[in-house]
Amino acid sequence: MQVLFLVGCGPALYVSDVLDAEQSLEQARVANARFHAPYEYHAADAYLEKAREEAAEGHYEDAIRFAQSSAHLSRRALQIAEATRGAR
């Protein structure tokens, strides 16, 4: 019964993580991270796209991992962008 419960949670966990990744990427975009932290920004965007692809195929564990990586890199890109703007 626990296996069924865990399998059923995949989509819910994915939605939560992908929303976090989308919000983080949007914050980085607004801060012009694509110019100040291009590696982190574009990698975050690519991870988010891959998360969506994996979820579409029903691979929620992989999708969650990619969404979390996207959120992490987006936050890093935002930090770099804010530090770059503050240094000017």
N, C-alpha and C. Protein backbone atom coordinates (compact mmCIF):
# COMPACT_ATOMS: atom_id res chain seq x y z
N MET A 1 0.81 -1.19 0.00
CA MET A 1 0.00 0.00 0.00
C MET A 1 0.87 1.26 0.00
N GLN A 2 1.99 1.23 0.71
CA GLN A 2 2.88 2.38 0.73
C GLN A 2 3.45 2.67 -0.65
N VAL A 3 3.72 1.64 -1.41
CA VAL A 3 4.26 1.83 -2.76
C VAL A 3 3.26 2.61 -3.60
N LEU A 4 2.00 2.27 -3.51
CA LEU A 4 0.98 2.99 -4.25
C LEU A 4 0.91 4.45 -3.80
N PHE A 5 1.04 4.68 -2.51
CA PHE A 5 1.00 6.05 -2.00
C PHE A 5 2.18 6.86 -2.53
N LEU A 6 3.37 6.28 -2.52
CA LEU A 6 4.55 6.99 -3.00
C LEU A 6 4.48 7.26 -4.49
N VAL A 7 3.97 6.31 -5.25
CA VAL A 7 3.82 6.50 -6.69
C VAL A 7 2.82 7.62 -6.96
N GLY A 8 1.77 7.67 -6.19
CA GLY A 8 0.76 8.71 -6.37
C GLY A 8 1.25 10.10 -6.00
N CYS A 9 2.27 10.19 -5.19
CA CYS A 9 2.80 11.49 -4.77
C CYS A 9 3.73 12.11 -5.80
N GLY A 10 4.24 11.31 -6.73
CA GLY A 10 5.19 11.81 -7.72
C GLY A 10 4.72 13.07 -8.43
N PRO A 11 3.53 13.05 -9.01
CA PRO A 11 3.06 14.26 -9.70
C PRO A 11 2.91 15.46 -8.77
N ALA A 12 2.45 15.24 -7.55
CA ALA A 12 2.28 16.35 -6.61
C ALA A 12 3.62 16.96 -6.23
N LEU A 13 4.60 16.12 -5.95
CA LEU A 13 5.93 16.61 -5.61
C LEU A 13 6.55 17.33 -6.81
N TYR A 14 6.34 16.77 -7.99
CA TYR A 14 6.87 17.39 -9.20
C TYR A 14 6.29 18.79 -9.39
N VAL A 15 4.99 18.93 -9.23
CA VAL A 15 4.34 20.23 -9.42
C VAL A 15 4.92 21.25 -8.46
N SER A 16 5.09 20.88 -7.21
CA SER A 16 5.66 21.79 -6.22
C SER A 16 7.08 22.21 -6.62
N ASP A 17 7.90 21.26 -7.01
CA ASP A 17 9.28 21.56 -7.37
C ASP A 17 9.39 22.34 -8.67
N VAL A 18 8.54 22.05 -9.63
CA VAL A 18 8.62 22.78 -10.90
C VAL A 18 8.12 24.21 -10.72
N LEU A 19 7.14 24.42 -9.87
CA LEU A 19 6.69 25.79 -9.59
C LEU A 19 7.80 26.60 -8.92
N ASP A 20 8.51 25.97 -7.99
CA ASP A 20 9.64 26.63 -7.34
C ASP A 20 10.71 26.97 -8.38
N ALA A 21 11.00 26.04 -9.28
CA ALA A 21 12.01 26.27 -10.32
C ALA A 21 11.58 27.39 -11.26
N GLU A 22 10.31 27.40 -11.63
CA GLU A 22 9.81 28.46 -12.53
C GLU A 22 9.91 29.83 -11.87
N GLN A 23 9.53 29.91 -10.61
CA GLN A 23 9.59 31.18 -9.89
C GLN A 23 11.03 31.66 -9.73
N SER A 24 11.92 30.74 -9.42
CA SER A 24 13.33 31.10 -9.26
C SER A 24 13.92 31.56 -10.58
N LEU A 25 13.59 30.88 -11.66
CA LEU A 25 14.10 31.27 -12.97
C LEU A 25 13.56 32.63 -13.38
N GLU A 26 12.31 32.90 -13.07
CA GLU A 26 11.72 34.20 -13.39
C GLU A 26 12.42 35.32 -12.62
N GLN A 27 12.70 35.08 -11.36
CA GLN A 27 13.43 36.08 -10.56
C GLN A 27 14.82 36.34 -11.16
N ALA A 28 15.48 35.28 -11.59
CA ALA A 28 16.79 35.43 -12.22
C ALA A 28 16.67 36.19 -13.54
N ARG A 29 15.62 35.92 -14.28
CA ARG A 29 15.41 36.62 -15.56
C ARG A 29 15.22 38.11 -15.33
N VAL A 30 14.40 38.46 -14.35
CA VAL A 30 14.13 39.86 -14.04
C VAL A 30 15.42 40.58 -13.62
N ALA A 31 16.32 39.86 -12.97
CA ALA A 31 17.59 40.44 -12.52
C ALA A 31 18.65 40.44 -13.63
N ASN A 32 18.24 40.09 -14.85
CA ASN A 32 19.16 40.02 -16.00
C ASN A 32 20.29 39.03 -15.80
N ALA A 33 19.98 37.92 -15.13
CA ALA A 33 20.99 36.90 -14.88
C ALA A 33 21.51 36.27 -16.18
N ARG A 34 20.71 36.32 -17.22
CA ARG A 34 21.18 35.73 -18.48
C ARG A 34 22.40 36.48 -19.01
N PHE A 35 22.59 37.72 -18.57
CA PHE A 35 23.77 38.49 -18.97
C PHE A 35 24.87 38.41 -17.91
N HIS A 36 24.48 38.42 -16.64
CA HIS A 36 25.45 38.45 -15.54
C HIS A 36 25.92 37.06 -15.11
N ALA A 37 25.10 36.06 -15.32
CA ALA A 37 25.44 34.68 -14.94
C ALA A 37 24.89 33.74 -16.02
N PRO A 38 25.41 33.87 -17.24
CA PRO A 38 24.83 33.12 -18.36
C PRO A 38 24.89 31.60 -18.20
N TYR A 39 25.98 31.08 -17.66
CA TYR A 39 26.07 29.63 -17.50
C TYR A 39 24.96 29.13 -16.58
N GLU A 40 24.85 29.72 -15.41
CA GLU A 40 23.86 29.28 -14.43
C GLU A 40 22.44 29.48 -14.94
N TYR A 41 22.20 30.63 -15.56
CA TYR A 41 20.86 30.93 -16.06
C TYR A 41 20.42 29.94 -17.14
N HIS A 42 21.27 29.75 -18.14
CA HIS A 42 20.88 28.87 -19.25
C HIS A 42 20.86 27.39 -18.83
N ALA A 43 21.73 27.01 -17.91
CA ALA A 43 21.67 25.64 -17.39
C ALA A 43 20.36 25.44 -16.62
N ALA A 44 19.97 26.43 -15.83
CA ALA A 44 18.70 26.32 -15.09
C ALA A 44 17.52 26.19 -16.04
N ASP A 45 17.55 26.96 -17.11
CA ASP A 45 16.49 26.89 -18.11
C ASP A 45 16.45 25.51 -18.77
N ALA A 46 17.62 24.97 -19.09
CA ALA A 46 17.69 23.65 -19.72
C ALA A 46 17.22 22.55 -18.76
N TYR A 47 17.59 22.66 -17.48
CA TYR A 47 17.13 21.67 -16.50
C TYR A 47 15.62 21.73 -16.33
N LEU A 48 15.06 22.91 -16.36
CA LEU A 48 13.61 23.04 -16.24
C LEU A 48 12.91 22.40 -17.43
N GLU A 49 13.42 22.62 -18.60
CA GLU A 49 12.85 22.00 -19.81
C GLU A 49 12.95 20.48 -19.72
N LYS A 50 14.09 19.98 -19.25
CA LYS A 50 14.27 18.53 -19.11
C LYS A 50 13.32 17.97 -18.06
N ALA A 51 13.08 18.72 -17.00
CA ALA A 51 12.12 18.27 -15.98
C ALA A 51 10.74 18.10 -16.59
N ARG A 52 10.35 19.05 -17.42
CA ARG A 52 9.04 18.96 -18.08
C ARG A 52 8.98 17.75 -19.02
N GLU A 53 10.06 17.50 -19.75
CA GLU A 53 10.09 16.34 -20.65
C GLU A 53 9.96 15.04 -19.87
N GLU A 54 10.71 14.92 -18.78
CA GLU A 54 10.67 13.70 -17.97
C GLU A 54 9.28 13.49 -17.37
N ALA A 55 8.65 14.56 -16.90
CA ALA A 55 7.31 14.44 -16.33
C ALA A 55 6.31 14.01 -17.39
N ALA A 56 6.46 14.52 -18.59
CA ALA A 56 5.56 14.15 -19.68
C ALA A 56 5.64 12.66 -19.99
N GLU A 57 6.80 12.08 -19.72
CA GLU A 57 6.97 10.63 -19.94
C GLU A 57 6.65 9.82 -18.69
N GLY A 58 6.23 10.51 -17.62
CA GLY A 58 5.87 9.81 -16.39
C GLY A 58 7.05 9.47 -15.51
N HIS A 59 8.20 10.03 -15.77
CA HIS A 59 9.41 9.78 -14.97
C HIS A 59 9.54 10.88 -13.91
N TYR A 60 8.67 10.81 -12.93
CA TYR A 60 8.57 11.90 -11.96
C TYR A 60 9.79 12.04 -11.06
N GLU A 61 10.42 10.93 -10.70
CA GLU A 61 11.62 11.02 -9.86
C GLU A 61 12.72 11.81 -10.58
N ASP A 62 12.92 11.51 -11.85
CA ASP A 62 13.91 12.26 -12.64
C ASP A 62 13.46 13.71 -12.83
N ALA A 63 12.19 13.91 -13.08
CA ALA A 63 11.66 15.26 -13.27
C ALA A 63 11.87 16.11 -12.02
N ILE A 64 11.65 15.53 -10.87
CA ILE A 64 11.86 16.25 -9.61
C ILE A 64 13.32 16.63 -9.45
N ARG A 65 14.20 15.70 -9.75
CA ARG A 65 15.64 15.97 -9.64
C ARG A 65 16.05 17.11 -10.56
N PHE A 66 15.57 17.11 -11.81
CA PHE A 66 15.90 18.18 -12.76
C PHE A 66 15.30 19.52 -12.32
N ALA A 67 14.08 19.49 -11.80
CA ALA A 67 13.45 20.73 -11.32
C ALA A 67 14.21 21.31 -10.14
N GLN A 68 14.67 20.45 -9.24
CA GLN A 68 15.44 20.93 -8.10
C GLN A 68 16.78 21.51 -8.54
N SER A 69 17.41 20.88 -9.52
CA SER A 69 18.67 21.41 -10.06
C SER A 69 18.43 22.76 -10.71
N SER A 70 17.33 22.90 -11.41
CA SER A 70 16.98 24.16 -12.04
C SER A 70 16.81 25.26 -11.01
N ALA A 71 16.08 24.97 -9.96
CA ALA A 71 15.84 25.96 -8.91
C ALA A 71 17.15 26.38 -8.25
N HIS A 72 18.00 25.40 -7.98
CA HIS A 72 19.30 25.69 -7.36
C HIS A 72 20.13 26.62 -8.25
N LEU A 73 20.23 26.29 -9.53
CA LEU A 73 21.02 27.12 -10.45
C LEU A 73 20.39 28.49 -10.67
N SER A 74 19.08 28.56 -10.67
CA SER A 74 18.40 29.85 -10.81
C SER A 74 18.72 30.76 -9.64
N ARG A 75 18.68 30.18 -8.44
CA ARG A 75 19.01 30.98 -7.25
C ARG A 75 20.46 31.43 -7.28
N ARG A 76 21.34 30.57 -7.76
CA ARG A 76 22.75 30.93 -7.88
C ARG A 76 22.92 32.05 -8.92
N ALA A 77 22.23 31.94 -10.04
CA ALA A 77 22.30 32.98 -11.07
C ALA A 77 21.80 34.30 -10.52
N LEU A 78 20.74 34.27 -9.74
CA LEU A 78 20.20 35.48 -9.13
C LEU A 78 21.23 36.10 -8.18
N GLN A 79 21.87 35.29 -7.37
CA GLN A 79 22.91 35.79 -6.47
C GLN A 79 24.04 36.48 -7.24
N ILE A 80 24.48 35.85 -8.30
CA ILE A 80 25.58 36.41 -9.10
C ILE A 80 25.13 37.72 -9.74
N ALA A 81 23.92 37.74 -10.28
CA ALA A 81 23.41 38.95 -10.93
C ALA A 81 23.29 40.09 -9.93
N GLU A 82 22.80 39.80 -8.74
CA GLU A 82 22.65 40.84 -7.72
C GLU A 82 24.02 41.33 -7.24
N ALA A 83 24.97 40.43 -7.11
CA ALA A 83 26.32 40.81 -6.70
C ALA A 83 27.01 41.65 -7.77
N THR A 84 26.77 41.30 -9.02
CA THR A 84 27.36 42.05 -10.13
C THR A 84 26.78 43.46 -10.19
N ARG A 85 25.48 43.56 -10.03
CA ARG A 85 24.84 44.89 -10.03
C ARG A 85 25.29 45.72 -8.84
N GLY A 86 25.49 45.06 -7.70
CA GLY A 86 25.91 45.78 -6.50
C GLY A 86 27.35 46.26 -6.57
N ALA A 87 28.16 45.59 -7.39
CA ALA A 87 29.57 45.95 -7.51
C ALA A 87 29.79 47.15 -8.42
N ARG A 88 28.78 47.51 -9.14
CA ARG A 88 28.92 48.63 -10.09
C ARG A 88 28.71 49.95 -9.45
